[in-house]
Amino acid sequence: MRATLKVGATAEVEFVVAAEHAIPFSDQQMPAVLSTPQLIGFLEQAARTAMEEVLDEDERTVGSQVDVQHLAATPLGSPVVCRARVIHVQGRQATFQIEAHDAHERIARGGHRRQIIRVGRFAEQVRRKIP
């Protein structure tokens, strides 16, 4: 790590809900809305972004815990803002408060934990598992 991640550090990711972000079971009766897995991916991206400035070139972050309440539906074409704020740092691990809003309301809230890893070591551990 180049520097220590600070409690209070934040990052945002903005996107517009597109067909590839929608639930796969929409039909004539069920409207196409943002899926929970896609939303979680954007929330994780916000947390990753908040950690980027402290990483050495050979480091990345991986998620180790996600706890998200998906509170409201968001239709196709809607802008969404995902925010992550560091609330705890312990060594190479950071805990985030995460939330997302559409133009009308908060659509998600929760917590997320990320771990800083060294790419070479991680890649070697993965290679050992390949049959």
C-alpha atoms as a PDB file:
ATOM      1  CA  MET A   1       0.000   0.000   0.000  1.00  0.00           C
ATOM      2  CA  ARG A   2       1.244   3.451  -0.889  1.00  0.00           C
ATOM      3  CA  ALA A   3      -0.690   5.068   1.957  1.00  0.00           C
ATOM      4  CA  THR A   4      -3.142   4.175   4.679  1.00  0.00           C
ATOM      5  CA  LEU A   5      -6.777   4.302   3.704  1.00  0.00           C
ATOM      6  CA  LYS A   6      -8.585   6.881   5.808  1.00  0.00           C
ATOM      7  CA  VAL A   7     -11.912   6.439   7.568  1.00  0.00           C
ATOM      8  CA  GLY A   8     -14.348   8.748   5.813  1.00  0.00           C
ATOM      9  CA  ALA A   9     -12.902   8.238   2.318  1.00  0.00           C
ATOM     10  CA  THR A  10     -15.718   8.049  -0.234  1.00  0.00           C
ATOM     11  CA  ALA A  11     -16.382   7.248  -3.862  1.00  0.00           C
ATOM     12  CA  GLU A  12     -19.401   7.234  -6.152  1.00  0.00           C
ATOM     13  CA  VAL A  13     -20.383   5.304  -9.243  1.00  0.00           C
ATOM     14  CA  GLU A  14     -23.196   6.567 -11.456  1.00  0.00           C
ATOM     15  CA  PHE A  15     -25.012   4.610 -14.142  1.00  0.00           C
ATOM     16  CA  VAL A  16     -28.288   4.472 -16.013  1.00  0.00           C
ATOM     17  CA  VAL A  17     -30.303   1.269 -15.683  1.00  0.00           C
ATOM     18  CA  ALA A  18     -30.075  -0.536 -19.030  1.00  0.00           C
ATOM     19  CA  ALA A  19     -31.503  -3.844 -20.238  1.00  0.00           C
ATOM     20  CA  GLU A  20     -28.342  -5.707 -19.200  1.00  0.00           C
ATOM     21  CA  HIS A  21     -28.874  -4.534 -15.591  1.00  0.00           C
ATOM     22  CA  ALA A  22     -32.478  -5.737 -15.398  1.00  0.00           C
ATOM     23  CA  ILE A  23     -34.029  -8.807 -13.841  1.00  0.00           C
ATOM     24  CA  PRO A  24     -34.137 -11.706 -16.314  1.00  0.00           C
ATOM     25  CA  PHE A  25     -37.784 -12.599 -15.599  1.00  0.00           C
ATOM     26  CA  SER A  26     -39.575  -9.440 -16.703  1.00  0.00           C
ATOM     27  CA  ASP A  27     -42.583  -9.959 -18.979  1.00  0.00           C
ATOM     28  CA  GLN A  28     -45.916  -8.373 -19.915  1.00  0.00           C
ATOM     29  CA  GLN A  29     -46.927  -8.184 -16.249  1.00  0.00           C
ATOM     30  CA  MET A  30     -43.567  -7.899 -14.476  1.00  0.00           C
ATOM     31  CA  PRO A  31     -41.747  -4.646 -15.317  1.00  0.00           C
ATOM     32  CA  ALA A  32     -38.049  -4.657 -16.153  1.00  0.00           C
ATOM     33  CA  VAL A  33     -36.228  -3.246 -13.112  1.00  0.00           C
ATOM     34  CA  LEU A  34     -32.673  -3.148 -11.773  1.00  0.00           C
ATOM     35  CA  SER A  35     -31.620  -6.570 -10.477  1.00  0.00           C
ATOM     36  CA  THR A  36     -30.089  -6.990  -7.043  1.00  0.00           C
ATOM     37  CA  PRO A  37     -26.909  -8.741  -8.300  1.00  0.00           C
ATOM     38  CA  GLN A  38     -26.240  -5.900 -10.761  1.00  0.00           C
ATOM     39  CA  LEU A  39     -26.846  -3.306  -8.042  1.00  0.00           C
ATOM     40  CA  ILE A  40     -24.416  -5.078  -5.717  1.00  0.00           C
ATOM     41  CA  GLY A  41     -21.814  -5.067  -8.490  1.00  0.00           C
ATOM     42  CA  PHE A  42     -22.056  -1.281  -8.809  1.00  0.00           C
ATOM     43  CA  LEU A  43     -21.905  -0.828  -5.024  1.00  0.00           C
ATOM     44  CA  GLU A  44     -18.739  -2.959  -4.951  1.00  0.00           C
ATOM     45  CA  GLN A  45     -17.305  -0.875  -7.778  1.00  0.00           C
ATOM     46  CA  ALA A  46     -17.796   2.272  -5.683  1.00  0.00           C
ATOM     47  CA  ALA A  47     -15.916   0.680  -2.769  1.00  0.00           C
ATOM     48  CA  ARG A  48     -13.102  -0.482  -5.092  1.00  0.00           C
ATOM     49  CA  THR A  49     -12.815   3.048  -6.438  1.00  0.00           C
ATOM     50  CA  ALA A  50     -12.491   4.466  -2.916  1.00  0.00           C
ATOM     51  CA  MET A  51      -9.472   2.200  -2.315  1.00  0.00           C
ATOM     52  CA  GLU A  52      -7.629   2.709  -5.625  1.00  0.00           C
ATOM     53  CA  GLU A  53      -5.525   5.673  -4.535  1.00  0.00           C
ATOM     54  CA  VAL A  54      -3.747   3.727  -1.770  1.00  0.00           C
ATOM     55  CA  LEU A  55      -2.866   0.640  -3.829  1.00  0.00           C
ATOM     56  CA  ASP A  56       0.600  -0.231  -5.087  1.00  0.00           C
ATOM     57  CA  GLU A  57       0.850  -1.226  -8.756  1.00  0.00           C
ATOM     58  CA  ASP A  58       0.848  -4.953  -7.896  1.00  0.00           C
ATOM     59  CA  GLU A  59      -2.207  -4.719  -5.623  1.00  0.00           C
ATOM     60  CA  ARG A  60      -5.947  -5.008  -6.165  1.00  0.00           C
ATOM     61  CA  THR A  61      -8.931  -5.388  -3.860  1.00  0.00           C
ATOM     62  CA  VAL A  62     -11.381  -8.255  -3.581  1.00  0.00           C
ATOM     63  CA  GLY A  63     -14.720  -8.322  -1.836  1.00  0.00           C
ATOM     64  CA  SER A  64     -14.985 -10.554   1.216  1.00  0.00           C
ATOM     65  CA  GLN A  65     -18.422  -9.663   2.598  1.00  0.00           C
ATOM     66  CA  VAL A  66     -21.594  -8.011   1.308  1.00  0.00           C
ATOM     67  CA  ASP A  67     -24.761  -7.224   3.261  1.00  0.00           C
ATOM     68  CA  VAL A  68     -27.245  -5.243   1.176  1.00  0.00           C
ATOM     69  CA  GLN A  69     -30.908  -4.416   1.566  1.00  0.00           C
ATOM     70  CA  HIS A  70     -32.472  -3.719  -1.828  1.00  0.00           C
ATOM     71  CA  LEU A  71     -35.217  -1.324  -0.747  1.00  0.00           C
ATOM     72  CA  ALA A  72     -36.980  -0.164  -3.904  1.00  0.00           C
ATOM     73  CA  ALA A  73     -37.413  -1.000  -7.578  1.00  0.00           C
ATOM     74  CA  THR A  74     -35.741   1.142 -10.250  1.00  0.00           C
ATOM     75  CA  PRO A  75     -37.002   0.978 -13.856  1.00  0.00           C
ATOM     76  CA  LEU A  76     -35.007   0.982 -17.091  1.00  0.00           C
ATOM     77  CA  GLY A  77     -33.668   4.393 -18.066  1.00  0.00           C
ATOM     78  CA  SER A  78     -33.334   5.628 -14.488  1.00  0.00           C
ATOM     79  CA  PRO A  79     -30.080   7.176 -13.262  1.00  0.00           C
ATOM     80  CA  VAL A  80     -28.595   5.590 -10.132  1.00  0.00           C
ATOM     81  CA  VAL A  81     -25.831   6.838  -7.823  1.00  0.00           C
ATOM     82  CA  CYS A  82     -23.964   4.283  -5.686  1.00  0.00           C
ATOM     83  CA  ARG A  83     -21.857   5.566  -2.775  1.00  0.00           C
ATOM     84  CA  ALA A  84     -19.294   3.858  -0.577  1.00  0.00           C
ATOM     85  CA  ARG A  85     -17.806   5.388   2.577  1.00  0.00           C
ATOM     86  CA  VAL A  86     -14.995   3.835   4.597  1.00  0.00           C
ATOM     87  CA  ILE A  87     -16.143   3.286   8.185  1.00  0.00           C
ATOM     88  CA  HIS A  88     -13.328   1.024   9.469  1.00  0.00           C
ATOM     89  CA  VAL A  89      -9.799   0.108   8.429  1.00  0.00           C
ATOM     90  CA  GLN A  90      -7.792  -2.756   9.881  1.00  0.00           C
ATOM     91  CA  GLY A  91      -4.495  -3.465   8.169  1.00  0.00           C
ATOM     92  CA  ARG A  92      -5.214  -4.436   4.552  1.00  0.00           C
ATOM     93  CA  GLN A  93      -8.975  -4.665   5.081  1.00  0.00           C
ATOM     94  CA  ALA A  94     -11.604  -1.925   4.830  1.00  0.00           C
ATOM     95  CA  THR A  95     -15.264  -1.890   5.814  1.00  0.00           C
ATOM     96  CA  PHE A  96     -17.712   0.343   3.954  1.00  0.00           C
ATOM     97  CA  GLN A  97     -21.153   1.780   4.455  1.00  0.00           C
ATOM     98  CA  ILE A  98     -22.790   1.520   1.035  1.00  0.00           C
ATOM     99  CA  GLU A  99     -25.975   2.992  -0.388  1.00  0.00           C
ATOM    100  CA  ALA A 100     -27.663   3.701  -3.696  1.00  0.00           C
ATOM    101  CA  HIS A 101     -30.247   6.271  -4.773  1.00  0.00           C
ATOM    102  CA  ASP A 102     -32.326   6.729  -7.890  1.00  0.00           C
ATOM    103  CA  ALA A 103     -33.959  10.054  -8.761  1.00  0.00           C
ATOM    104  CA  HIS A 104     -36.788   9.392  -6.289  1.00  0.00           C
ATOM    105  CA  GLU A 105     -35.442   7.601  -3.220  1.00  0.00           C
ATOM    106  CA  ARG A 106     -32.787   5.507  -1.539  1.00  0.00           C
ATOM    107  CA  ILE A 107     -32.931   2.103  -3.223  1.00  0.00           C
ATOM    108  CA  ALA A 108     -30.263   0.227  -1.249  1.00  0.00           C
ATOM    109  CA  ARG A 109     -28.189   0.360   1.911  1.00  0.00           C
ATOM    110  CA  GLY A 110     -25.793  -1.940   3.676  1.00  0.00           C
ATOM    111  CA  GLY A 111     -22.222  -2.853   4.408  1.00  0.00           C
ATOM    112  CA  HIS A 112     -19.302  -4.224   2.431  1.00  0.00           C
ATOM    113  CA  ARG A 113     -15.792  -5.416   3.266  1.00  0.00           C
ATOM    114  CA  ARG A 114     -12.805  -5.456   0.898  1.00  0.00           C
ATOM    115  CA  GLN A 115      -9.334  -6.935   1.267  1.00  0.00           C
ATOM    116  CA  ILE A 116      -6.161  -5.699  -0.439  1.00  0.00           C
ATOM    117  CA  ILE A 117      -4.343  -8.558  -2.177  1.00  0.00           C
ATOM    118  CA  ARG A 118      -1.048  -8.886  -4.051  1.00  0.00           C
ATOM    119  CA  VAL A 119      -1.811  -9.955  -7.619  1.00  0.00           C
ATOM    120  CA  GLY A 120       1.095 -12.400  -8.014  1.00  0.00           C
ATOM    121  CA  ARG A 121       0.368 -14.273  -4.803  1.00  0.00           C
ATOM    122  CA  PHE A 122      -3.361 -14.364  -5.551  1.00  0.00           C
ATOM    123  CA  ALA A 123      -2.756 -15.659  -9.090  1.00  0.00           C
ATOM    124  CA  GLU A 124      -0.519 -18.434  -7.736  1.00  0.00           C
ATOM    125  CA  GLN A 125      -3.202 -19.518  -5.247  1.00  0.00           C
ATOM    126  CA  VAL A 126      -5.736 -19.659  -8.080  1.00  0.00           C
ATOM    127  CA  ARG A 127      -3.352 -21.634 -10.339  1.00  0.00           C
ATOM    128  CA  ARG A 128      -3.003 -24.295  -7.633  1.00  0.00           C
ATOM    129  CA  LYS A 129      -6.758 -24.915  -7.804  1.00  0.00           C
ATOM    130  CA  ILE A 130      -6.939 -25.381 -11.572  1.00  0.00           C
ATOM    131  CA  PRO A 131      -7.468 -29.087 -12.385  1.00  0.00           C
END
